[in-house]
Amino acid sequence: GKERELVAAITSAGGTTNYADAVKGRFTISRDNAKKTGYLQM
């Protein structure tokens, strides 16, 4: 019943992240460019 919302984002080199207020302090976004994989730890 809701629209899609941004939860977390990370820049290409992983240097900057941002989070929706609802998940700050609980979720962590990360990436491993060598593995071509992104992660969201909740």
Full PDB file with SEQRES, HELIX, SHEET, SSBOND, CRYST1, ORIGX, SCALE, CONECT and MASTER records, all heavy atoms in Angstrom:
SEQRES   1 A   42  GLY LYS GLU ARG GLU LEU VAL ALA ALA ILE THR SER ALA          
SEQRES   2 A   42  GLY GLY THR THR ASN TYR ALA ASP ALA VAL LYS GLY ARG          
SEQRES   3 A   42  PHE THR ILE SER ARG ASP ASN ALA LYS LYS THR GLY TYR          
SEQRES   4 A   42  LEU GLN MET                                                  
HELIX    1 AA1 ASP A   21  VAL A   23  5                                   3    
SHEET    1 AA1 2 ALA A   8  ILE A  10  0                                        
SHEET    2 AA1 2 THR A  17  TYR A  19 -1                                        
SHEET    1 AA2 2 THR A  28  ASP A  32  0                                        
SHEET    2 AA2 2 THR A  37  GLN A  41 -1                                        
CRYST1    1.000    1.000    1.000  90.00  90.00  90.00 P 1           1          
ORIGX1      1.000000  0.000000  0.000000        0.00000                         
ORIGX2      0.000000  1.000000  0.000000        0.00000                         
ORIGX3      0.000000  0.000000  1.000000        0.00000                         
SCALE1      1.000000  0.000000  0.000000        0.00000                         
SCALE2      0.000000  1.000000  0.000000        0.00000                         
SCALE3      0.000000  0.000000  1.000000        0.00000                         
ATOM      1  N   GLY A   1       0.773  -1.223   0.000  1.00  0.00           N  
ATOM      2  CA  GLY A   1       0.000   0.000   0.000  1.00  0.00           C  
ATOM      3  C   GLY A   1       0.806   1.276   0.000  1.00  0.00           C  
ATOM      4  O   GLY A   1       0.224   2.360   0.097  1.00  0.00           O  
ATOM      5  N   LYS A   2       2.128   1.170  -0.099  1.00  0.00           N  
ATOM      6  CA  LYS A   2       2.978   2.342  -0.074  1.00  0.00           C  
ATOM      7  C   LYS A   2       3.848   2.415  -1.325  1.00  0.00           C  
ATOM      8  O   LYS A   2       4.034   1.423  -2.024  1.00  0.00           O  
ATOM      9  CB  LYS A   2       3.870   2.335   1.172  1.00  0.00           C  
ATOM     10  CG  LYS A   2       3.122   2.421   2.484  1.00  0.00           C  
ATOM     11  CD  LYS A   2       4.079   2.503   3.659  1.00  0.00           C  
ATOM     12  CE  LYS A   2       3.345   2.640   4.969  1.00  0.00           C  
ATOM     13  NZ  LYS A   2       4.293   2.727   6.118  1.00  0.00           N  
ATOM     14  N   GLU A   3       4.376   3.606  -1.575  1.00  0.00           N  
ATOM     15  CA  GLU A   3       5.287   3.798  -2.685  1.00  0.00           C  
ATOM     16  C   GLU A   3       6.694   3.371  -2.295  1.00  0.00           C  
ATOM     17  O   GLU A   3       7.048   3.308  -1.115  1.00  0.00           O  
ATOM     18  CB  GLU A   3       5.284   5.257  -3.131  1.00  0.00           C  
ATOM     19  CG  GLU A   3       3.950   5.741  -3.686  1.00  0.00           C  
ATOM     20  CD  GLU A   3       3.535   4.977  -4.921  1.00  0.00           C  
ATOM     21  OE1 GLU A   3       4.382   4.762  -5.813  1.00  0.00           O  
ATOM     22  OE2 GLU A   3       2.354   4.591  -5.004  1.00  0.00           O  
ATOM     23  N   ARG A   4       7.495   3.089  -3.295  1.00  0.00           N  
ATOM     24  CA  ARG A   4       8.874   2.715  -3.055  1.00  0.00           C  
ATOM     25  C   ARG A   4       9.643   3.887  -2.453  1.00  0.00           C  
ATOM     26  O   ARG A   4       9.489   5.034  -2.886  1.00  0.00           O  
ATOM     27  CB  ARG A   4       9.522   2.263  -4.357  1.00  0.00           C  
ATOM     28  CG  ARG A   4      10.892   1.624  -4.184  1.00  0.00           C  
ATOM     29  CD  ARG A   4      11.406   1.085  -5.505  1.00  0.00           C  
ATOM     30  NE  ARG A   4      10.532   0.049  -6.041  1.00  0.00           N  
ATOM     31  CZ  ARG A   4      10.802  -0.663  -7.130  1.00  0.00           C  
ATOM     32  NH1 ARG A   4      11.919  -0.455  -7.808  1.00  0.00           N  
ATOM     33  NH2 ARG A   4       9.937  -1.573  -7.548  1.00  0.00           N  
ATOM     34  N   GLU A   5      10.474   3.616  -1.454  1.00  0.00           N  
ATOM     35  CA  GLU A   5      11.258   4.651  -0.808  1.00  0.00           C  
ATOM     36  C   GLU A   5      12.723   4.252  -0.733  1.00  0.00           C  
ATOM     37  O   GLU A   5      13.062   3.070  -0.643  1.00  0.00           O  
ATOM     38  CB  GLU A   5      10.729   4.929   0.609  1.00  0.00           C  
ATOM     39  CG  GLU A   5      10.856   3.748   1.558  1.00  0.00           C  
ATOM     40  CD  GLU A   5      10.443   4.069   2.985  1.00  0.00           C  
ATOM     41  OE1 GLU A   5      10.388   5.263   3.347  1.00  0.00           O  
ATOM     42  OE2 GLU A   5      10.161   3.120   3.748  1.00  0.00           O  
ATOM     43  N   LEU A   6      13.580   5.250  -0.758  1.00  0.00           N  
ATOM     44  CA  LEU A   6      15.008   5.019  -0.601  1.00  0.00           C  
ATOM     45  C   LEU A   6      15.317   4.739   0.858  1.00  0.00           C  
ATOM     46  O   LEU A   6      14.918   5.493   1.742  1.00  0.00           O  
ATOM     47  CB  LEU A   6      15.796   6.225  -1.090  1.00  0.00           C  
ATOM     48  CG  LEU A   6      17.318   6.146  -0.930  1.00  0.00           C  
ATOM     49  CD1 LEU A   6      17.899   5.067  -1.831  1.00  0.00           C  
ATOM     50  CD2 LEU A   6      17.955   7.497  -1.234  1.00  0.00           C  
ATOM     51  N   VAL A   7      16.046   3.665   1.110  1.00  0.00           N  
ATOM     52  CA  VAL A   7      16.437   3.280   2.458  1.00  0.00           C  
ATOM     53  C   VAL A   7      17.864   3.708   2.763  1.00  0.00           C  
ATOM     54  O   VAL A   7      18.151   4.253   3.829  1.00  0.00           O  
ATOM     55  CB  VAL A   7      16.279   1.758   2.642  1.00  0.00           C  
ATOM     56  CG1 VAL A   7      16.837   1.308   3.990  1.00  0.00           C  
ATOM     57  CG2 VAL A   7      14.812   1.365   2.519  1.00  0.00           C  
ATOM     58  N   ALA A   8      18.773   3.440   1.841  1.00  0.00           N  
ATOM     59  CA  ALA A   8      20.182   3.737   2.048  1.00  0.00           C  
ATOM     60  C   ALA A   8      20.876   3.862   0.708  1.00  0.00           C  
ATOM     61  O   ALA A   8      20.448   3.259  -0.282  1.00  0.00           O  
ATOM     62  CB  ALA A   8      20.853   2.650   2.891  1.00  0.00           C  
ATOM     63  N   ALA A   9      21.950   4.628   0.675  1.00  0.00           N  
ATOM     64  CA  ALA A   9      22.724   4.803  -0.544  1.00  0.00           C  
ATOM     65  C   ALA A   9      24.195   4.890  -0.197  1.00  0.00           C  
ATOM     66  O   ALA A   9      24.568   5.297   0.906  1.00  0.00           O  
ATOM     67  CB  ALA A   9      22.281   6.062  -1.294  1.00  0.00           C  
ATOM     68  N   ILE A  10      25.025   4.519  -1.155  1.00  0.00           N  
ATOM     69  CA  ILE A  10      26.465   4.551  -0.967  1.00  0.00           C  
ATOM     70  C   ILE A  10      27.113   4.978  -2.272  1.00  0.00           C  
ATOM     71  O   ILE A  10      26.708   4.552  -3.352  1.00  0.00           O  
ATOM     72  CB  ILE A  10      26.996   3.178  -0.478  1.00  0.00           C  
ATOM     73  CG1 ILE A  10      28.484   3.248  -0.131  1.00  0.00           C  
ATOM     74  CG2 ILE A  10      26.719   2.090  -1.512  1.00  0.00           C  
ATOM     75  CD1 ILE A  10      28.971   2.011   0.631  1.00  0.00           C  
ATOM     76  N   THR A  11      28.116   5.830  -2.191  1.00  0.00           N  
ATOM     77  CA  THR A  11      28.787   6.311  -3.383  1.00  0.00           C  
ATOM     78  C   THR A  11      29.677   5.230  -3.974  1.00  0.00           C  
ATOM     79  O   THR A  11      29.958   4.201  -3.354  1.00  0.00           O  
ATOM     80  CB  THR A  11      29.603   7.571  -3.083  1.00  0.00           C  
ATOM     81  OG1 THR A  11      30.435   7.342  -1.941  1.00  0.00           O  
ATOM     82  CG2 THR A  11      28.686   8.755  -2.805  1.00  0.00           C  
ATOM     83  N   SER A  12      30.143   5.480  -5.186  1.00  0.00           N  
ATOM     84  CA  SER A  12      30.795   4.435  -5.966  1.00  0.00           C  
ATOM     85  C   SER A  12      32.019   3.831  -5.293  1.00  0.00           C  
ATOM     86  O   SER A  12      32.264   2.624  -5.409  1.00  0.00           O  
ATOM     87  CB  SER A  12      31.166   4.973  -7.353  1.00  0.00           C  
ATOM     88  OG  SER A  12      32.013   6.108  -7.246  1.00  0.00           O  
ATOM     89  N   ALA A  13      32.789   4.666  -4.606  1.00  0.00           N  
ATOM     90  CA  ALA A  13      33.985   4.190  -3.927  1.00  0.00           C  
ATOM     91  C   ALA A  13      33.714   3.812  -2.475  1.00  0.00           C  
ATOM     92  O   ALA A  13      34.632   3.387  -1.770  1.00  0.00           O  
ATOM     93  CB  ALA A  13      35.090   5.234  -3.989  1.00  0.00           C  
ATOM     94  N   GLY A  14      32.483   3.978  -2.036  1.00  0.00           N  
ATOM     95  CA  GLY A  14      32.118   3.616  -0.678  1.00  0.00           C  
ATOM     96  C   GLY A  14      32.437   4.658   0.372  1.00  0.00           C  
ATOM     97  O   GLY A  14      32.304   4.373   1.568  1.00  0.00           O  
ATOM     98  N   GLY A  15      32.809   5.854  -0.059  1.00  0.00           N  
ATOM     99  CA  GLY A  15      33.246   6.857   0.888  1.00  0.00           C  
ATOM    100  C   GLY A  15      32.143   7.616   1.589  1.00  0.00           C  
ATOM    101  O   GLY A  15      32.383   8.204   2.647  1.00  0.00           O  
ATOM    102  N   THR A  16      30.963   7.636   1.015  1.00  0.00           N  
ATOM    103  CA  THR A  16      29.858   8.398   1.576  1.00  0.00           C  
ATOM    104  C   THR A  16      28.604   7.542   1.589  1.00  0.00           C  
ATOM    105  O   THR A  16      28.306   6.864   0.600  1.00  0.00           O  
ATOM    106  CB  THR A  16      29.598   9.677   0.766  1.00  0.00           C  
ATOM    107  OG1 THR A  16      30.784  10.472   0.743  1.00  0.00           O  
ATOM    108  CG2 THR A  16      28.467  10.487   1.390  1.00  0.00           C  
ATOM    109  N   THR A  17      27.886   7.581   2.694  1.00  0.00           N  
ATOM    110  CA  THR A  17      26.626   6.861   2.816  1.00  0.00           C  
ATOM    111  C   THR A  17      25.550   7.795   3.325  1.00  0.00           C  
ATOM    112  O   THR A  17      25.838   8.813   3.964  1.00  0.00           O  
ATOM    113  CB  THR A  17      26.739   5.666   3.768  1.00  0.00           C  
ATOM    114  OG1 THR A  17      27.132   6.124   5.068  1.00  0.00           O  
ATOM    115  CG2 THR A  17      27.768   4.656   3.266  1.00  0.00           C  
ATOM    116  N   ASN A  18      24.306   7.453   3.039  1.00  0.00           N  
ATOM    117  CA  ASN A  18      23.197   8.161   3.644  1.00  0.00           C  
ATOM    118  C   ASN A  18      22.055   7.186   3.872  1.00  0.00           C  
ATOM    119  O   ASN A  18      21.945   6.168   3.188  1.00  0.00           O  
ATOM    120  CB  ASN A  18      22.757   9.377   2.820  1.00  0.00           C  
ATOM    121  CG  ASN A  18      22.063   9.006   1.532  1.00  0.00           C  
ATOM    122  OD1 ASN A  18      22.703   8.753   0.510  1.00  0.00           O  
ATOM    123  ND2 ASN A  18      20.727   8.981   1.576  1.00  0.00           N  
ATOM    124  N   TYR A  19      21.201   7.528   4.844  1.00  0.00           N  
ATOM    125  CA  TYR A  19      20.144   6.635   5.275  1.00  0.00           C  
ATOM    126  C   TYR A  19      18.852   7.403   5.493  1.00  0.00           C  
ATOM    127  O   TYR A  19      18.868   8.570   5.885  1.00  0.00           O  
ATOM    128  CB  TYR A  19      20.517   5.948   6.596  1.00  0.00           C  
ATOM    129  CG  TYR A  19      21.769   5.123   6.523  1.00  0.00           C  
ATOM    130  CD1 TYR A  19      23.013   5.672   6.810  1.00  0.00           C  
ATOM    131  CD2 TYR A  19      21.707   3.782   6.167  1.00  0.00           C  
ATOM    132  CE1 TYR A  19      24.165   4.913   6.738  1.00  0.00           C  
ATOM    133  CE2 TYR A  19      22.855   3.016   6.092  1.00  0.00           C  
ATOM    134  CZ  TYR A  19      24.081   3.582   6.378  1.00  0.00           C  
ATOM    135  OH  TYR A  19      25.215   2.811   6.302  1.00  0.00           O  
ATOM    136  N   ALA A  20      17.759   6.720   5.259  1.00  0.00           N  
ATOM    137  CA  ALA A  20      16.478   7.272   5.658  1.00  0.00           C  
ATOM    138  C   ALA A  20      16.422   7.378   7.179  1.00  0.00           C  
ATOM    139  O   ALA A  20      16.997   6.547   7.892  1.00  0.00           O  
ATOM    140  CB  ALA A  20      15.340   6.385   5.155  1.00  0.00           C  
ATOM    141  N   ASP A  21      15.737   8.396   7.669  1.00  0.00           N  
ATOM    142  CA  ASP A  21      15.654   8.595   9.113  1.00  0.00           C  
ATOM    143  C   ASP A  21      15.121   7.360   9.839  1.00  0.00           C  
ATOM    144  O   ASP A  21      15.544   7.048  10.956  1.00  0.00           O  
ATOM    145  CB  ASP A  21      14.769   9.799   9.433  1.00  0.00           C  
ATOM    146  CG  ASP A  21      15.429  11.117   9.098  1.00  0.00           C  
ATOM    147  OD1 ASP A  21      16.662  11.150   8.922  1.00  0.00           O  
ATOM    148  OD2 ASP A  21      14.702  12.125   9.023  1.00  0.00           O  
ATOM    149  N   ALA A  22      14.220   6.652   9.209  1.00  0.00           N  
ATOM    150  CA  ALA A  22      13.591   5.509   9.857  1.00  0.00           C  
ATOM    151  C   ALA A  22      14.550   4.365  10.139  1.00  0.00           C  
ATOM    152  O   ALA A  22      14.262   3.514  10.986  1.00  0.00           O  
ATOM    153  CB  ALA A  22      12.425   5.004   9.004  1.00  0.00           C  
ATOM    154  N   VAL A  23      15.691   4.331   9.450  1.00  0.00           N  
ATOM    155  CA  VAL A  23      16.618   3.211   9.619  1.00  0.00           C  
ATOM    156  C   VAL A  23      17.970   3.630  10.168  1.00  0.00           C  
ATOM    157  O   VAL A  23      18.822   2.761  10.409  1.00  0.00           O  
ATOM    158  CB  VAL A  23      16.810   2.438   8.300  1.00  0.00           C  
ATOM    159  CG1 VAL A  23      15.462   2.024   7.721  1.00  0.00           C  
ATOM    160  CG2 VAL A  23      17.606   3.253   7.294  1.00  0.00           C  
ATOM    161  N   LYS A  24      18.192   4.903  10.395  1.00  0.00           N  
ATOM    162  CA  LYS A  24      19.478   5.360  10.911  1.00  0.00           C  
ATOM    163  C   LYS A  24      19.793   4.703  12.251  1.00  0.00           C  
ATOM    164  O   LYS A  24      18.945   4.619  13.131  1.00  0.00           O  
ATOM    165  CB  LYS A  24      19.479   6.879  11.067  1.00  0.00           C  
ATOM    166  CG  LYS A  24      19.596   7.631   9.763  1.00  0.00           C  
ATOM    167  CD  LYS A  24      19.613   9.137   9.990  1.00  0.00           C  
ATOM    168  CE  LYS A  24      19.752   9.884   8.673  1.00  0.00           C  
ATOM    169  NZ  LYS A  24      19.695  11.353   8.868  1.00  0.00           N  
ATOM    170  N   GLY A  25      21.015   4.245  12.375  1.00  0.00           N  
ATOM    171  CA  GLY A  25      21.443   3.572  13.584  1.00  0.00           C  
ATOM    172  C   GLY A  25      21.136   2.099  13.615  1.00  0.00           C  
ATOM    173  O   GLY A  25      21.627   1.392  14.505  1.00  0.00           O  
ATOM    174  N   ARG A  26      20.344   1.627  12.678  1.00  0.00           N  
ATOM    175  CA  ARG A  26      19.971   0.215  12.643  1.00  0.00           C  
ATOM    176  C   ARG A  26      20.485  -0.499  11.395  1.00  0.00           C  
ATOM    177  O   ARG A  26      20.824  -1.679  11.462  1.00  0.00           O  
ATOM    178  CB  ARG A  26      18.450   0.049  12.713  1.00  0.00           C  
ATOM    179  CG  ARG A  26      17.829   0.603  13.987  1.00  0.00           C  
ATOM    180  CD  ARG A  26      16.358   0.216  14.106  1.00  0.00           C  
ATOM    181  NE  ARG A  26      15.552   0.789  13.025  1.00  0.00           N  
ATOM    182  CZ  ARG A  26      14.839   0.067  12.158  1.00  0.00           C  
ATOM    183  NH1 ARG A  26      14.840  -1.258  12.231  1.00  0.00           N  
ATOM    184  NH2 ARG A  26      14.119   0.672  11.223  1.00  0.00           N  
ATOM    185  N   PHE A  27      20.520   0.206  10.263  1.00  0.00           N  
ATOM    186  CA  PHE A  27      20.942  -0.388   8.998  1.00  0.00           C  
ATOM    187  C   PHE A  27      22.311   0.151   8.606  1.00  0.00           C  
ATOM    188  O   PHE A  27      22.644   1.311   8.877  1.00  0.00           O  
ATOM    189  CB  PHE A  27      19.961  -0.050   7.877  1.00  0.00           C  
ATOM    190  CG  PHE A  27      18.608  -0.710   7.971  1.00  0.00           C  
ATOM    191  CD1 PHE A  27      18.196  -1.378   9.111  1.00  0.00           C  
ATOM    192  CD2 PHE A  27      17.743  -0.643   6.888  1.00  0.00           C  
ATOM    193  CE1 PHE A  27      16.947  -1.976   9.188  1.00  0.00           C  
ATOM    194  CE2 PHE A  27      16.495  -1.238   6.949  1.00  0.00           C  
ATOM    195  CZ  PHE A  27      16.091  -1.902   8.092  1.00  0.00           C  
ATOM    196  N   THR A  28      23.094  -0.675   7.932  1.00  0.00           N  
ATOM    197  CA  THR A  28      24.390  -0.268   7.412  1.00  0.00           C  
ATOM    198  C   THR A  28      24.530  -0.737   5.974  1.00  0.00           C  
ATOM    199  O   THR A  28      24.391  -1.928   5.689  1.00  0.00           O  
ATOM    200  CB  THR A  28      25.537  -0.849   8.248  1.00  0.00           C  
ATOM    201  OG1 THR A  28      25.409  -0.438   9.612  1.00  0.00           O  
ATOM    202  CG2 THR A  28      26.885  -0.359   7.710  1.00  0.00           C  
ATOM    203  N   ILE A  29      24.815   0.193   5.085  1.00  0.00           N  
ATOM    204  CA  ILE A  29      25.049  -0.147   3.692  1.00  0.00           C  
ATOM    205  C   ILE A  29      26.548  -0.233   3.444  1.00  0.00           C  
ATOM    206  O   ILE A  29      27.326   0.547   3.997  1.00  0.00           O  
ATOM    207  CB  ILE A  29      24.387   0.877   2.743  1.00  0.00           C  
ATOM    208  CG1 ILE A  29      24.474   0.414   1.284  1.00  0.00           C  
ATOM    209  CG2 ILE A  29      24.982   2.270   2.918  1.00  0.00           C  
ATOM    210  CD1 ILE A  29      23.645   1.263   0.325  1.00  0.00           C  
ATOM    211  N   SER A  30      26.960  -1.183   2.634  1.00  0.00           N  
ATOM    212  CA  SER A  30      28.365  -1.341   2.303  1.00  0.00           C  
ATOM    213  C   SER A  30      28.486  -1.962   0.916  1.00  0.00           C  
ATOM    214  O   SER A  30      27.490  -2.371   0.320  1.00  0.00           O  
ATOM    215  CB  SER A  30      29.092  -2.196   3.348  1.00  0.00           C  
ATOM    216  OG  SER A  30      28.544  -3.504   3.403  1.00  0.00           O  
ATOM    217  N   ARG A  31      29.700  -2.022   0.419  1.00  0.00           N  
ATOM    218  CA  ARG A  31      29.910  -2.633  -0.889  1.00  0.00           C  
ATOM    219  C   ARG A  31      31.310  -3.196  -0.983  1.00  0.00           C  
ATOM    220  O   ARG A  31      32.228  -2.749  -0.287  1.00  0.00           O  
ATOM    221  CB  ARG A  31      29.668  -1.609  -2.007  1.00  0.00           C  
ATOM    222  CG  ARG A  31      30.648  -0.449  -2.011  1.00  0.00           C  
ATOM    223  CD  ARG A  31      30.196   0.652  -2.971  1.00  0.00           C  
ATOM    224  NE  ARG A  31      30.212   0.202  -4.349  1.00  0.00           N  
ATOM    225  CZ  ARG A  31      29.581   0.813  -5.347  1.00  0.00           C  
ATOM    226  NH1 ARG A  31      28.870   1.917  -5.105  1.00  0.00           N  
ATOM    227  NH2 ARG A  31      29.655   0.333  -6.576  1.00  0.00           N  
ATOM    228  N   ASP A  32      31.468  -4.168  -1.858  1.00  0.00           N  
ATOM    229  CA  ASP A  32      32.764  -4.753  -2.162  1.00  0.00           C  
ATOM    230  C   ASP A  32      32.899  -4.696  -3.674  1.00  0.00           C  
ATOM    231  O   ASP A  32      32.335  -5.523  -4.393  1.00  0.00           O  
ATOM    232  CB  ASP A  32      32.850  -6.184  -1.649  1.00  0.00           C  
ATOM    233  CG  ASP A  32      34.229  -6.793  -1.810  1.00  0.00           C  
ATOM    234  OD1 ASP A  32      34.956  -6.404  -2.744  1.00  0.00           O  
ATOM    235  OD2 ASP A  32      34.588  -7.670  -1.006  1.00  0.00           O  
ATOM    236  N   ASN A  33      33.613  -3.711  -4.159  1.00  0.00           N  
ATOM    237  CA  ASN A  33      33.688  -3.511  -5.601  1.00  0.00           C  
ATOM    238  C   ASN A  33      34.406  -4.654  -6.311  1.00  0.00           C  
ATOM    239  O   ASN A  33      34.081  -4.986  -7.450  1.00  0.00           O  
ATOM    240  CB  ASN A  33      34.352  -2.174  -5.914  1.00  0.00           C  
ATOM    241  CG  ASN A  33      33.428  -1.000  -5.663  1.00  0.00           C  
ATOM    242  OD1 ASN A  33      32.207  -1.164  -5.583  1.00  0.00           O  
ATOM    243  ND2 ASN A  33      34.006   0.193  -5.537  1.00  0.00           N  
ATOM    244  N   ALA A  34      35.380  -5.257  -5.660  1.00  0.00           N  
ATOM    245  CA  ALA A  34      36.080  -6.382  -6.267  1.00  0.00           C  
ATOM    246  C   ALA A  34      35.142  -7.562  -6.489  1.00  0.00           C  
ATOM    247  O   ALA A  34      35.290  -8.311  -7.454  1.00  0.00           O  
ATOM    248  CB  ALA A  34      37.265  -6.796  -5.410  1.00  0.00           C  
ATOM    249  N   LYS A  35      34.176  -7.734  -5.586  1.00  0.00           N  
ATOM    250  CA  LYS A  35      33.193  -8.803  -5.710  1.00  0.00           C  
ATOM    251  C   LYS A  35      31.949  -8.368  -6.466  1.00  0.00           C  
ATOM    252  O   LYS A  35      31.046  -9.179  -6.691  1.00  0.00           O  
ATOM    253  CB  LYS A  35      32.796  -9.321  -4.331  1.00  0.00           C  
ATOM    254  CG  LYS A  35      33.918  -9.994  -3.568  1.00  0.00           C  
ATOM    255  CD  LYS A  35      33.424 -10.500  -2.224  1.00  0.00           C  
ATOM    256  CE  LYS A  35      34.527 -11.211  -1.476  1.00  0.00           C  
ATOM    257  NZ  LYS A  35      34.061 -11.701  -0.147  1.00  0.00           N  
ATOM    258  N   LYS A  36      31.871  -7.096  -6.822  1.00  0.00           N  
ATOM    259  CA  LYS A  36      30.716  -6.532  -7.518  1.00  0.00           C  
ATOM    260  C   LYS A  36      29.435  -6.812  -6.751  1.00  0.00           C  
ATOM    261  O   LYS A  36      28.420  -7.244  -7.309  1.00  0.00           O  
ATOM    262  CB  LYS A  36      30.636  -7.057  -8.952  1.00  0.00           C  
ATOM    263  CG  LYS A  36      31.839  -6.682  -9.805  1.00  0.00           C  
ATOM    264  CD  LYS A  36      31.660  -7.072 -11.263  1.00  0.00           C  
ATOM    265  CE  LYS A  36      31.645  -8.578 -11.431  1.00  0.00           C  
ATOM    266  NZ  LYS A  36      31.568  -8.963 -12.874  1.00  0.00           N  
ATOM    267  N   THR A  37      29.487  -6.566  -5.465  1.00  0.00           N  
ATOM    268  CA  THR A  37      28.370  -6.869  -4.583  1.00  0.00           C  
ATOM    269  C   THR A  37      28.128  -5.740  -3.591  1.00  0.00           C  
ATOM    270  O   THR A  37      29.075  -5.185  -3.038  1.00  0.00           O  
ATOM    271  CB  THR A  37      28.625  -8.172  -3.813  1.00  0.00           C  
ATOM    272  OG1 THR A  37      28.850  -9.241  -4.743  1.00  0.00           O  
ATOM    273  CG2 THR A  37      27.435  -8.528  -2.940  1.00  0.00           C  
ATOM    274  N   GLY A  38      26.864  -5.420  -3.388  1.00  0.00           N  
ATOM    275  CA  GLY A  38      26.460  -4.485  -2.363  1.00  0.00           C  
ATOM    276  C   GLY A  38      25.741  -5.214  -1.250  1.00  0.00           C  
ATOM    277  O   GLY A  38      25.199  -6.308  -1.457  1.00  0.00           O  
ATOM    278  N   TYR A  39      25.723  -4.609  -0.064  1.00  0.00           N  
ATOM    279  CA  TYR A  39      25.139  -5.248   1.106  1.00  0.00           C  
ATOM    280  C   TYR A  39      24.292  -4.257   1.889  1.00  0.00           C  
ATOM    281  O   TYR A  39      24.542  -3.050   1.880  1.00  0.00           O  
ATOM    282  CB  TYR A  39      26.229  -5.778   2.043  1.00  0.00           C  
ATOM    283  CG  TYR A  39      27.210  -6.707   1.388  1.00  0.00           C  
ATOM    284  CD1 TYR A  39      28.416  -6.231   0.883  1.00  0.00           C  
ATOM    285  CD2 TYR A  39      26.932  -8.065   1.270  1.00  0.00           C  
ATOM    286  CE1 TYR A  39      29.324  -7.082   0.276  1.00  0.00           C  
ATOM    287  CE2 TYR A  39      27.834  -8.924   0.663  1.00  0.00           C  
ATOM    288  CZ  TYR A  39      29.027  -8.428   0.172  1.00  0.00           C  
ATOM    289  OH  TYR A  39      29.922  -9.279  -0.431  1.00  0.00           O  
ATOM    290  N   LEU A  40      23.313  -4.790   2.573  1.00  0.00           N  
ATOM    291  CA  LEU A  40      22.552  -4.019   3.539  1.00  0.00           C  
ATOM    292  C   LEU A  40      22.420  -4.865   4.797  1.00  0.00           C  
ATOM    293  O   LEU A  40      21.708  -5.874   4.794  1.00  0.00           O  
ATOM    294  CB  LEU A  40      21.171  -3.639   3.008  1.00  0.00           C  
ATOM    295  CG  LEU A  40      20.343  -2.740   3.930  1.00  0.00           C  
ATOM    296  CD1 LEU A  40      20.981  -1.350   4.026  1.00  0.00           C  
ATOM    297  CD2 LEU A  40      18.903  -2.630   3.441  1.00  0.00           C  
ATOM    298  N   GLN A  41      23.118  -4.461   5.851  1.00  0.00           N  
ATOM    299  CA  GLN A  41      23.009  -5.129   7.138  1.00  0.00           C  
ATOM    300  C   GLN A  41      21.894  -4.454   7.920  1.00  0.00           C  
ATOM    301  O   GLN A  41      21.955  -3.249   8.172  1.00  0.00           O  
ATOM    302  CB  GLN A  41      24.321  -5.041   7.912  1.00  0.00           C  
ATOM    303  CG  GLN A  41      24.272  -5.672   9.299  1.00  0.00           C  
ATOM    304  CD  GLN A  41      24.080  -7.172   9.250  1.00  0.00           C  
ATOM    305  OE1 GLN A  41      24.793  -7.864   8.532  1.00  0.00           O  
ATOM    306  NE2 GLN A  41      23.113  -7.683  10.001  1.00  0.00           N  
ATOM    307  N   MET A  42      20.889  -5.215   8.294  1.00  0.00           N  
ATOM    308  CA  MET A  42      19.738  -4.700   9.010  1.00  0.00           C  
ATOM    309  C   MET A  42      19.716  -5.307  10.408  1.00  0.00           C  
ATOM    310  O   MET A  42      19.709  -6.526  10.557  1.00  0.00           O  
ATOM    311  CB  MET A  42      18.445  -5.025   8.264  1.00  0.00           C  
ATOM    312  CG  MET A  42      18.427  -4.520   6.825  1.00  0.00           C  
ATOM    313  SD  MET A  42      16.848  -4.835   5.989  1.00  0.00           S  
ATOM    314  CE  MET A  42      16.921  -6.621   5.871  1.00  0.00           C  
TER     315      MET A  42                                                      
MASTER        0    0    0    1    4    0    0    6  314    1    0    4          
END                                                                             
